[in-house]
Amino acid sequence: MPKMIFVNLPVLDLPRFIAFYESVGAVRNPQFSDDTAACMVLSDTIFAMLLTHAKFAEFTSKRISDARETAQVLVCVSEESRAEVDRTVERAVAAGGTPDPTPTQDFGFMYGRSYEDPDGHIWEVMWMDPAAASGGSAPTEAA
């Protein structure tokens, strides 16, 4: 069985976040969702667990940071093409996200952009040439 990742995010407005993540392609799994949490399926192995602050606090004794002011984690997901990277960021912006909180990266064989969700969590979206990812020769940066 492949390893799975569950990114747990504290959110201020759960219904708004369900709509936001659906707009960028996630699907809500009702089996693991209720009025305090939503399991958003990004792929067969990647899930975003959206938790109200009260629910998130059940899992940690630490203070919940304001993601608009501090960064604790940067989450990066891949896409099938450069164009799909751009489409994902465009969908996030149309749903209320902020585009490109981190600089766009374009190395030819790898391309990445980012967006912030409405609470300020940063998601990086990247594409890498399959030949480069499999160990084939990738272009090198000019000195």
Protein backbone atom coordinates (compact mmCIF):
# COMPACT_ATOMS: atom_id res chain seq x y z
CA MET A 1 0.00 0.00 0.00
CA PRO A 2 1.47 3.40 -0.90
CA LYS A 3 2.05 5.89 1.88
CA MET A 4 -0.60 8.57 2.24
CA ILE A 5 -0.27 12.12 3.50
CA PHE A 6 -2.91 13.96 5.52
CA VAL A 7 -2.25 17.68 5.79
CA ASN A 8 -4.19 18.99 8.81
CA LEU A 9 -5.13 22.67 8.55
CA PRO A 10 -6.93 24.80 11.12
CA VAL A 11 -9.57 26.93 9.37
CA LEU A 12 -11.80 29.74 10.57
CA ASP A 13 -14.82 29.10 8.32
CA LEU A 14 -15.25 25.41 7.47
CA PRO A 15 -18.01 25.75 4.82
CA ARG A 16 -16.02 28.47 3.02
CA PHE A 17 -12.93 26.26 3.01
CA ILE A 18 -14.81 23.24 1.70
CA ALA A 19 -15.98 25.39 -1.23
CA PHE A 20 -12.48 26.81 -1.72
CA TYR A 21 -10.76 23.42 -1.86
CA GLU A 22 -13.48 22.00 -4.12
CA SER A 23 -12.79 24.89 -6.51
CA VAL A 24 -9.14 23.84 -6.82
CA GLY A 25 -10.11 20.25 -7.57
CA ALA A 26 -10.43 18.53 -4.19
CA VAL A 27 -13.42 16.28 -3.44
CA ARG A 28 -14.95 16.10 0.04
CA ASN A 29 -15.06 12.63 1.55
CA PRO A 30 -18.27 12.62 3.64
CA GLN A 31 -17.18 9.50 5.55
CA PHE A 32 -14.48 11.54 7.33
CA SER A 33 -16.30 14.88 7.48
CA ASP A 34 -18.71 16.47 9.92
CA ASP A 35 -19.47 19.96 11.24
CA THR A 36 -15.97 20.23 12.78
CA ALA A 37 -13.81 18.72 10.03
CA ALA A 38 -13.74 17.97 6.32
CA CYS A 39 -11.55 15.44 4.56
CA MET A 40 -10.69 16.88 1.15
CA VAL A 41 -9.27 14.32 -1.29
CA LEU A 42 -6.57 15.75 -3.56
CA SER A 43 -5.45 12.40 -4.99
CA ASP A 44 -5.44 8.71 -4.11
CA THR A 45 -2.71 9.40 -1.55
CA ILE A 46 -3.03 13.10 -0.58
CA PHE A 47 -5.71 14.52 1.71
CA ALA A 48 -6.28 17.93 3.30
CA MET A 49 -8.01 17.66 6.64
CA LEU A 50 -9.76 20.97 7.26
CA LEU A 51 -10.38 21.36 10.98
CA THR A 52 -12.18 24.08 12.90
CA HIS A 53 -9.88 25.73 15.42
CA ALA A 54 -11.67 23.94 18.26
CA LYS A 55 -11.17 20.56 16.56
CA PHE A 56 -7.53 21.30 15.66
CA ALA A 57 -6.85 22.24 19.31
CA GLU A 58 -7.84 18.69 20.33
CA PHE A 59 -4.66 17.43 18.63
CA THR A 60 -2.10 19.88 20.03
CA SER A 61 -1.43 21.89 23.15
CA LYS A 62 0.38 24.53 21.07
CA ARG A 63 -1.16 27.84 20.11
CA ILE A 64 -2.67 27.87 16.62
CA SER A 65 -0.72 30.36 14.56
CA ASP A 66 -2.27 32.88 12.19
CA ALA A 67 -1.05 31.69 8.78
CA ARG A 68 -1.36 35.23 7.42
CA GLU A 69 1.40 36.34 9.81
CA THR A 70 3.57 33.27 10.37
CA ALA A 71 4.56 30.24 8.32
CA GLN A 72 4.89 26.83 9.87
CA VAL A 73 4.79 24.68 6.75
CA LEU A 74 4.79 24.98 2.96
CA VAL A 75 2.79 22.26 1.24
CA CYS A 76 3.75 21.37 -2.33
CA VAL A 77 1.72 19.26 -4.76
CA SER A 78 2.56 18.28 -8.32
CA GLU A 79 0.58 18.75 -11.50
CA GLU A 80 0.73 17.02 -14.89
CA SER A 81 1.91 20.09 -16.86
CA ARG A 82 3.05 23.70 -16.65
CA ALA A 83 -0.37 24.75 -17.97
CA GLU A 84 -2.09 22.79 -15.19
CA VAL A 85 0.09 24.57 -12.59
CA ASP A 86 -1.20 27.89 -13.93
CA ARG A 87 -4.82 26.64 -14.06
CA THR A 88 -4.66 25.45 -10.44
CA VAL A 89 -3.40 28.84 -9.24
CA GLU A 90 -6.03 30.61 -11.37
CA ARG A 91 -8.81 28.46 -9.84
CA ALA A 92 -7.50 29.22 -6.33
CA VAL A 93 -7.48 32.96 -7.03
CA ALA A 94 -11.01 32.85 -8.49
CA ALA A 95 -12.16 31.15 -5.28
CA GLY A 96 -10.67 33.84 -3.03
CA GLY A 97 -7.04 32.77 -2.73
CA THR A 98 -4.00 35.01 -3.14
CA PRO A 99 -1.66 34.28 -6.06
CA ASP A 100 2.07 33.74 -5.83
CA PRO A 101 2.99 34.50 -2.20
CA THR A 102 6.34 32.90 -3.04
CA PRO A 103 8.24 33.70 -6.25
CA THR A 104 7.42 31.73 -9.40
CA GLN A 105 10.19 29.25 -10.17
CA ASP A 106 10.98 28.42 -13.80
CA PHE A 107 14.03 26.24 -14.41
CA GLY A 108 12.85 24.93 -17.77
CA PHE A 109 12.64 21.31 -16.60
CA MET A 110 10.75 22.37 -13.45
CA TYR A 111 8.08 25.04 -13.02
CA GLY A 112 6.33 26.13 -9.85
CA ARG A 113 3.89 28.70 -8.55
CA SER A 114 1.95 29.09 -5.31
CA TYR A 115 -1.21 30.41 -3.74
CA GLU A 116 -2.51 31.20 -0.27
CA ASP A 117 -5.88 29.90 0.81
CA PRO A 118 -8.21 32.42 2.51
CA ASP A 119 -6.60 31.84 5.94
CA GLY A 120 -3.08 32.28 4.56
CA HIS A 121 -1.87 28.66 4.27
CA ILE A 122 0.61 28.50 1.38
CA TRP A 123 0.27 25.76 -1.24
CA GLU A 124 3.02 25.39 -3.81
CA VAL A 125 2.09 23.80 -7.15
CA MET A 126 4.82 22.37 -9.35
CA TRP A 127 5.49 20.45 -12.55
CA MET A 128 8.72 18.63 -13.35
CA ASP A 129 9.72 17.14 -16.70
CA PRO A 130 9.23 13.37 -16.39
CA ALA A 131 12.71 12.69 -17.82
CA ALA A 132 14.25 14.92 -15.15
CA ALA A 133 12.17 13.28 -12.42
CA SER A 134 13.20 9.76 -13.50
CA GLY A 135 16.90 10.59 -13.47
CA GLY A 136 17.26 11.41 -17.14
CA SER A 137 19.30 14.38 -18.15
CA ALA A 138 17.85 17.71 -17.15
CA PRO A 139 19.00 21.05 -18.45
CA THR A 140 21.42 22.83 -16.16
CA GLU A 141 21.16 26.47 -15.23
CA ALA A 142 23.48 28.85 -17.01
CA ALA A 143 26.21 30.20 -14.80
